[in-house]
C-alpha cells in the first residue's frame, strides 16, 4: 500500500486541510503573523513580500500542504527545506531593537497557532461544524506538523482551548504592532500583484480575512468594520457552506490532496515536483 504520510485519509487533519475553503484561513493567519514585529523582521530579511509576494505566498501554502498530504519522505524533505531556510533567518529587528530568530520557539508557536486557529475557523464557517472532540483531535494531529518544523509539542498549549487562550493573550497583550512589513502584507491582501484570474476570488478572501480578525488586530491595521459588512460576510460564508457539496471536486479540494489521492490509488506522483510545476504555471 502507498505511503499515506504522517496523516491518513481517515483523519480529521486530512479532511480539514483538503478543503479549498479552509485555505481562506491562511490569509487571516498571515495578517496576524505579520502583526508580530519579530515575525515581520524575518520576512524583511528574506525580502519575502518584496519579490513577487504572490508566488512566495503560494509557495509557502504548498509547502504546508505537502506536510499534510505528502508521503513521509516528501513531508520530511519539505520540513528539512523549511528548517534549513529558518536557520539563516536571524538578526536584530530595527523596529524594536530586539533579536529575532526564525527558529525561536515562541515565534514558531505564534505562526503555528494562528494558522491552526484560522484554518479551523474557516473550515467550520464554510464546511461543517466540528465537535469539541474533533477540534481536539485536529490539535493533537497538528502537533506532528509542529514537530516536523522543530516546534516541540511540549512548547505548544496541550489542548485546543488552551491554544485559543494563548492566541487571545497575545492579541490582547503588547507584542503586536503595525510595521512596514505588516503594511506590505496588508497591501497584498488588498490585491497587490495577484494574477488577474485570481483577483475576483482573492478580493473576497481578503475581505473575509479582515472581517474575521480579532477586533484588536483589525484596529491595529486601521480596518473599519460595521454591521453591514459583518452581515455581508456572514451571508457569503453561509452561502459557500450551502453550495460547497454541489461544486465540482476541483473547486472543493486542494491540489496536493487530489494528487495524494491519485498516488494512493497507484499512480506514481511526486507531490513536490507537482507543486513546483503548478507554481511555474502561475
Protein backbone atom coordinates (compact mmCIF):
# COMPACT_ATOMS: atom_id res chain seq x y z
CA UNK A 1 0.00 0.00 0.00
CA UNK A 2 1.21 3.53 -0.80
CA UNK A 3 2.59 5.70 1.97
CA UNK A 4 -0.20 7.91 3.34
CA UNK A 5 2.34 10.09 5.09
CA UNK A 6 2.11 11.21 8.68
CA UNK A 7 -1.66 11.52 8.40
CA UNK A 8 -4.23 9.48 6.52
CA UNK A 9 -7.43 9.85 4.58
CA UNK A 10 -9.48 8.91 7.65
CA UNK A 11 -8.04 11.64 9.89
CA UNK A 12 -9.67 14.96 10.71
CA UNK A 13 -6.37 16.61 9.77
CA UNK A 14 -6.67 15.30 6.20
CA UNK A 15 -10.35 16.28 5.94
CA UNK A 16 -9.86 19.83 7.21
CA UNK A 17 -6.77 20.62 5.17
CA UNK A 18 -8.04 19.19 1.90
CA UNK A 19 -10.91 21.70 1.79
CA UNK A 20 -10.32 24.59 -0.60
CA UNK A 21 -12.26 26.96 1.62
CA UNK A 22 -10.11 26.09 4.63
CA UNK A 23 -7.27 27.81 2.75
CA UNK A 24 -9.08 31.12 3.28
CA UNK A 25 -7.81 30.89 6.84
CA UNK A 26 -4.25 31.24 5.55
CA UNK A 27 -4.86 34.88 4.60
CA UNK A 28 -6.21 35.67 8.08
CA UNK A 29 -3.27 33.87 9.71
CA UNK A 30 -0.82 35.79 7.53
CA UNK A 31 -2.23 39.12 8.72
CA UNK A 32 -1.98 38.01 12.34
CA UNK A 33 1.56 36.68 11.90
CA UNK A 34 2.75 39.85 10.15
CA UNK A 35 1.47 41.92 13.08
CA UNK A 36 4.22 40.39 15.22
CA UNK A 37 7.28 42.60 14.61
CA UNK A 38 9.81 39.79 15.07
CA UNK A 39 8.00 37.59 12.55
CA UNK A 40 7.95 40.57 10.19
CA UNK A 41 11.66 41.11 10.77
CA UNK A 42 12.38 37.63 9.45
CA UNK A 43 10.20 38.31 6.42
CA UNK A 44 12.07 41.56 5.83
CA UNK A 45 15.42 39.74 5.87
CA UNK A 46 14.34 37.39 3.10
CA UNK A 47 12.52 40.16 1.17
CA UNK A 48 9.60 37.73 1.37
CA UNK A 49 6.95 40.27 0.46
CA UNK A 50 9.04 42.44 -1.85
CA UNK A 51 9.98 39.98 -4.59
CA UNK A 52 6.86 38.54 -6.20
CA UNK A 53 4.92 38.16 -2.93
CA UNK A 54 2.03 36.31 -4.58
CA UNK A 55 4.17 33.40 -5.79
CA UNK A 56 6.01 33.33 -2.48
CA UNK A 57 2.70 33.12 -0.63
CA UNK A 58 1.57 30.26 -2.87
CA UNK A 59 4.90 28.50 -2.31
CA UNK A 60 4.50 28.75 1.45
CA UNK A 61 0.95 27.37 1.30
CA UNK A 62 2.08 24.49 -0.92
CA UNK A 63 4.92 23.59 1.44
CA UNK A 64 2.46 23.40 4.33
CA UNK A 65 0.10 21.22 2.30
CA UNK A 66 2.90 18.82 1.38
CA UNK A 67 3.47 18.32 5.11
CA UNK A 68 -0.20 17.31 5.30
CA UNK A 69 -0.57 15.20 2.16
CA UNK A 70 2.90 14.13 1.10
CA UNK A 71 4.45 10.76 1.78
CA UNK A 72 6.66 10.64 4.87
CA UNK A 73 9.67 11.09 2.60
CA UNK A 74 8.12 14.15 0.94
CA UNK A 75 6.97 15.64 4.24
CA UNK A 76 10.40 15.20 5.80
CA UNK A 77 12.17 16.63 2.74
CA UNK A 78 9.84 19.63 2.80
CA UNK A 79 10.28 20.14 6.53
CA UNK A 80 14.05 19.94 6.10
CA UNK A 81 13.89 22.62 3.43
CA UNK A 82 11.84 24.89 5.70
CA UNK A 83 14.14 24.26 8.65
CA UNK A 84 17.31 25.00 6.66
CA UNK A 85 15.80 28.28 5.48
CA UNK A 86 14.86 29.15 9.07
CA UNK A 87 18.47 28.53 10.15
CA UNK A 88 19.56 31.51 8.04
CA UNK A 89 16.93 33.95 9.32
CA UNK A 90 18.11 35.82 12.40
CA UNK A 91 19.37 39.21 13.44
CA UNK A 92 18.35 42.39 15.23
CA UNK A 93 14.97 43.89 14.42
CA UNK A 94 15.49 47.58 13.50
CA UNK A 95 11.99 48.45 14.70
CA UNK A 96 12.09 47.04 18.24
CA UNK A 97 15.84 46.58 18.69
CA UNK A 98 15.13 43.00 19.77
CA UNK A 99 16.81 39.87 18.43
CA UNK A 100 14.75 37.69 16.13
CA UNK A 101 15.38 34.11 15.07
CA UNK A 102 13.11 32.06 12.82
CA UNK A 103 13.87 29.02 15.00
CA UNK A 104 12.82 30.83 18.18
CA UNK A 105 10.17 28.60 19.76
CA UNK A 106 7.88 31.49 20.71
CA UNK A 107 7.85 32.80 17.13
CA UNK A 108 7.29 29.32 15.71
CA UNK A 109 4.40 28.91 18.14
CA UNK A 110 2.75 32.17 17.09
CA UNK A 111 2.89 31.15 13.43
CA UNK A 112 1.68 27.62 14.20
CA UNK A 113 -1.16 28.72 16.48
CA UNK A 114 -2.56 31.45 14.22
CA UNK A 115 -2.61 29.07 11.26
CA UNK A 116 -4.33 26.31 13.24
CA UNK A 117 -6.97 28.61 14.69
CA UNK A 118 -7.64 30.33 11.35
CA UNK A 119 -7.85 27.07 9.40
CA UNK A 120 -10.37 25.57 11.81
CA UNK A 121 -12.38 28.80 11.87
CA UNK A 122 -12.86 28.81 8.09
CA UNK A 123 -13.50 25.08 7.95
CA UNK A 124 -16.34 25.45 10.42
CA UNK A 125 -17.73 28.54 8.70
CA UNK A 126 -17.66 27.07 5.17
CA UNK A 127 -17.79 23.27 5.51
CA UNK A 128 -19.34 21.97 8.74
CA UNK A 129 -19.12 22.49 12.50
CA UNK A 130 -16.69 20.35 14.44
CA UNK A 131 -17.41 18.78 17.79
CA UNK A 132 -15.15 19.66 20.69
CA UNK A 133 -13.62 16.19 20.40
CA UNK A 134 -12.87 16.62 16.66
CA UNK A 135 -11.25 20.01 17.24
CA UNK A 136 -9.08 18.44 19.89
CA UNK A 137 -8.23 15.56 17.55
CA UNK A 138 -7.10 18.08 14.92
CA UNK A 139 -5.00 19.89 17.50
CA UNK A 140 -3.26 16.70 18.59
CA UNK A 141 -2.57 15.66 14.98
CA UNK A 142 -1.22 19.12 14.17
CA UNK A 143 1.44 18.61 16.84
CA UNK A 144 3.09 16.24 14.35
CA UNK A 145 3.40 19.12 11.87
CA UNK A 146 4.82 21.29 14.63
CA UNK A 147 7.50 18.76 15.47
CA UNK A 148 8.49 18.43 11.81
CA UNK A 149 9.42 22.14 11.78
CA UNK A 150 11.27 21.95 15.10
CA UNK A 151 8.48 23.15 17.39
CA UNK A 152 8.42 20.60 20.22
CA UNK A 153 4.95 19.58 21.36
CA UNK A 154 5.99 20.48 24.89
CA UNK A 155 6.10 24.12 23.77
CA UNK A 156 2.57 24.07 22.32
CA UNK A 157 -0.51 24.51 24.54
CA UNK A 158 -1.62 20.92 25.23
CA UNK A 159 -5.29 21.39 24.27
CA UNK A 160 -7.14 23.37 21.63
CA UNK A 161 -8.97 25.62 24.15
CA UNK A 162 -5.59 26.44 25.70
CA UNK A 163 -4.19 27.28 22.25
CA UNK A 164 -7.12 29.66 21.75
CA UNK A 165 -6.37 31.23 25.12
CA UNK A 166 -2.74 31.65 24.10
CA UNK A 167 -3.71 33.45 20.87
CA UNK A 168 -6.16 35.66 22.76
CA UNK A 169 -3.46 36.54 25.28
CA UNK A 170 -1.04 37.64 22.55
CA UNK A 171 -3.75 39.63 20.78
CA UNK A 172 -4.72 41.46 23.97
CA UNK A 173 -1.08 41.94 25.04
CA UNK A 174 1.65 44.28 23.86
CA UNK A 175 3.61 42.09 21.43
CA UNK A 176 1.81 43.09 18.22
CA UNK A 177 2.42 46.31 16.30
CA UNK A 178 1.99 47.80 12.85
CA UNK A 179 5.29 47.77 10.96
CA UNK A 180 6.27 48.49 7.37
CA UNK A 181 6.25 44.78 6.56
CA UNK A 182 2.82 44.34 8.15
CA UNK A 183 1.54 47.13 5.91
CA UNK A 184 3.06 45.40 2.87
CA UNK A 185 1.21 42.23 3.82
CA UNK A 186 -1.98 44.21 4.26
CA UNK A 187 -1.50 45.71 0.78
CA UNK A 188 -1.04 42.20 -0.63
CA UNK A 189 -4.37 41.30 0.96
CA UNK A 190 -5.88 44.24 -0.93
CA UNK A 191 -4.95 42.82 -4.31
CA UNK A 192 -1.29 43.65 -4.83
CA UNK A 193 0.39 41.52 -7.52
CA UNK A 194 -2.27 38.80 -7.54
CA UNK A 195 -2.79 37.34 -11.06
CA UNK A 196 -5.83 38.88 -12.72
CA UNK A 197 -7.53 35.49 -12.98
CA UNK A 198 -7.45 35.22 -9.19
CA UNK A 199 -8.47 38.76 -8.31
CA UNK A 200 -12.26 38.26 -8.08
CA UNK A 201 -11.97 35.44 -5.54
CA UNK A 202 -8.94 37.00 -3.86
CA UNK A 203 -10.88 40.17 -3.07
CA UNK A 204 -13.40 38.09 -1.14
CA UNK A 205 -10.68 36.06 0.60
CA UNK A 206 -9.04 39.32 1.70
CA UNK A 207 -12.38 40.71 2.82
CA UNK A 208 -13.08 37.56 4.84
CA UNK A 209 -9.59 37.64 6.33
CA UNK A 210 -10.05 41.21 7.53
CA UNK A 211 -13.55 40.57 8.78
CA UNK A 212 -12.63 37.58 10.91
CA UNK A 213 -9.61 39.18 12.57
CA UNK A 214 -9.84 39.77 16.32
CA UNK A 215 -11.09 43.36 16.82
CA UNK A 216 -7.75 44.34 18.35
CA UNK A 217 -5.86 43.25 15.23
CA UNK A 218 -8.39 44.95 12.93
CA UNK A 219 -7.83 48.15 14.88
CA UNK A 220 -4.07 47.71 14.57
CA UNK A 221 -4.44 47.65 10.77
CA UNK A 222 -6.91 50.57 10.92
CA UNK A 223 -9.64 48.45 9.34
CA UNK A 224 -13.09 49.95 9.67
CA UNK A 225 -15.79 47.33 10.15
CA UNK A 226 -19.52 47.85 10.53
CA UNK A 227 -22.66 45.80 10.93
CA UNK A 228 -23.45 45.78 7.19
CA UNK A 229 -20.03 44.38 6.37
CA UNK A 230 -20.47 41.73 9.05
CA UNK A 231 -23.87 40.71 7.72
CA UNK A 232 -22.48 40.55 4.17
CA UNK A 233 -19.57 38.37 5.32
CA UNK A 234 -21.80 36.05 7.36
CA UNK A 235 -24.23 35.63 4.46
CA UNK A 236 -21.48 34.81 1.97
CA UNK A 237 -19.74 32.32 4.21
CA UNK A 238 -23.09 30.64 4.85
CA UNK A 239 -23.71 30.58 1.09
CA UNK A 240 -20.35 28.89 0.47
CA UNK A 241 -21.23 26.29 3.07
CA UNK A 242 -24.55 25.54 1.34
CA UNK A 243 -23.18 25.31 -2.21
CA UNK A 244 -19.91 23.53 -1.42
CA UNK A 245 -21.39 19.98 -1.70
CA UNK A 246 -22.55 20.61 -5.28
CA UNK A 247 -19.34 22.25 -6.53
CA UNK A 248 -17.00 20.23 -8.77
CA UNK A 249 -14.25 18.46 -6.87
CA UNK A 250 -11.54 20.74 -8.26
CA UNK A 251 -13.33 23.70 -6.62
CA UNK A 252 -13.62 21.90 -3.26
CA UNK A 253 -10.32 20.05 -2.89
CA UNK A 254 -6.81 21.48 -2.82
CA UNK A 255 -4.44 20.14 -5.46
CA UNK A 256 -1.98 18.39 -3.10
CA UNK A 257 -4.84 16.38 -1.58
CA UNK A 258 -6.05 15.38 -5.04
CA UNK A 259 -2.50 14.40 -6.05
CA UNK A 260 -2.17 12.35 -2.84
CA UNK A 261 -5.43 10.52 -3.60
CA UNK A 262 -4.10 9.62 -7.06
CA UNK A 263 -0.83 8.43 -5.58
CA UNK A 264 -2.67 6.25 -3.08
CA UNK A 265 -4.69 4.82 -5.97
CA UNK A 266 -1.46 3.57 -7.51
CA UNK A 267 -0.22 6.41 -9.71
CA UNK A 268 3.42 7.44 -9.49
CA UNK A 269 3.19 11.07 -8.37
CA UNK A 270 5.81 13.28 -6.75
CA UNK A 271 3.93 15.98 -4.81
CA UNK A 272 6.98 18.23 -4.54
CA UNK A 273 7.53 18.16 -8.31
CA UNK A 274 3.82 18.72 -8.97
CA UNK A 275 3.80 21.75 -6.66
CA UNK A 276 6.85 23.20 -8.43
CA UNK A 277 5.16 22.72 -11.81
CA UNK A 278 1.95 24.37 -10.56
CA UNK A 279 3.89 27.46 -9.40
CA UNK A 280 5.52 27.83 -12.80
CA UNK A 281 2.07 27.98 -14.38
CA UNK A 282 1.00 30.98 -12.29
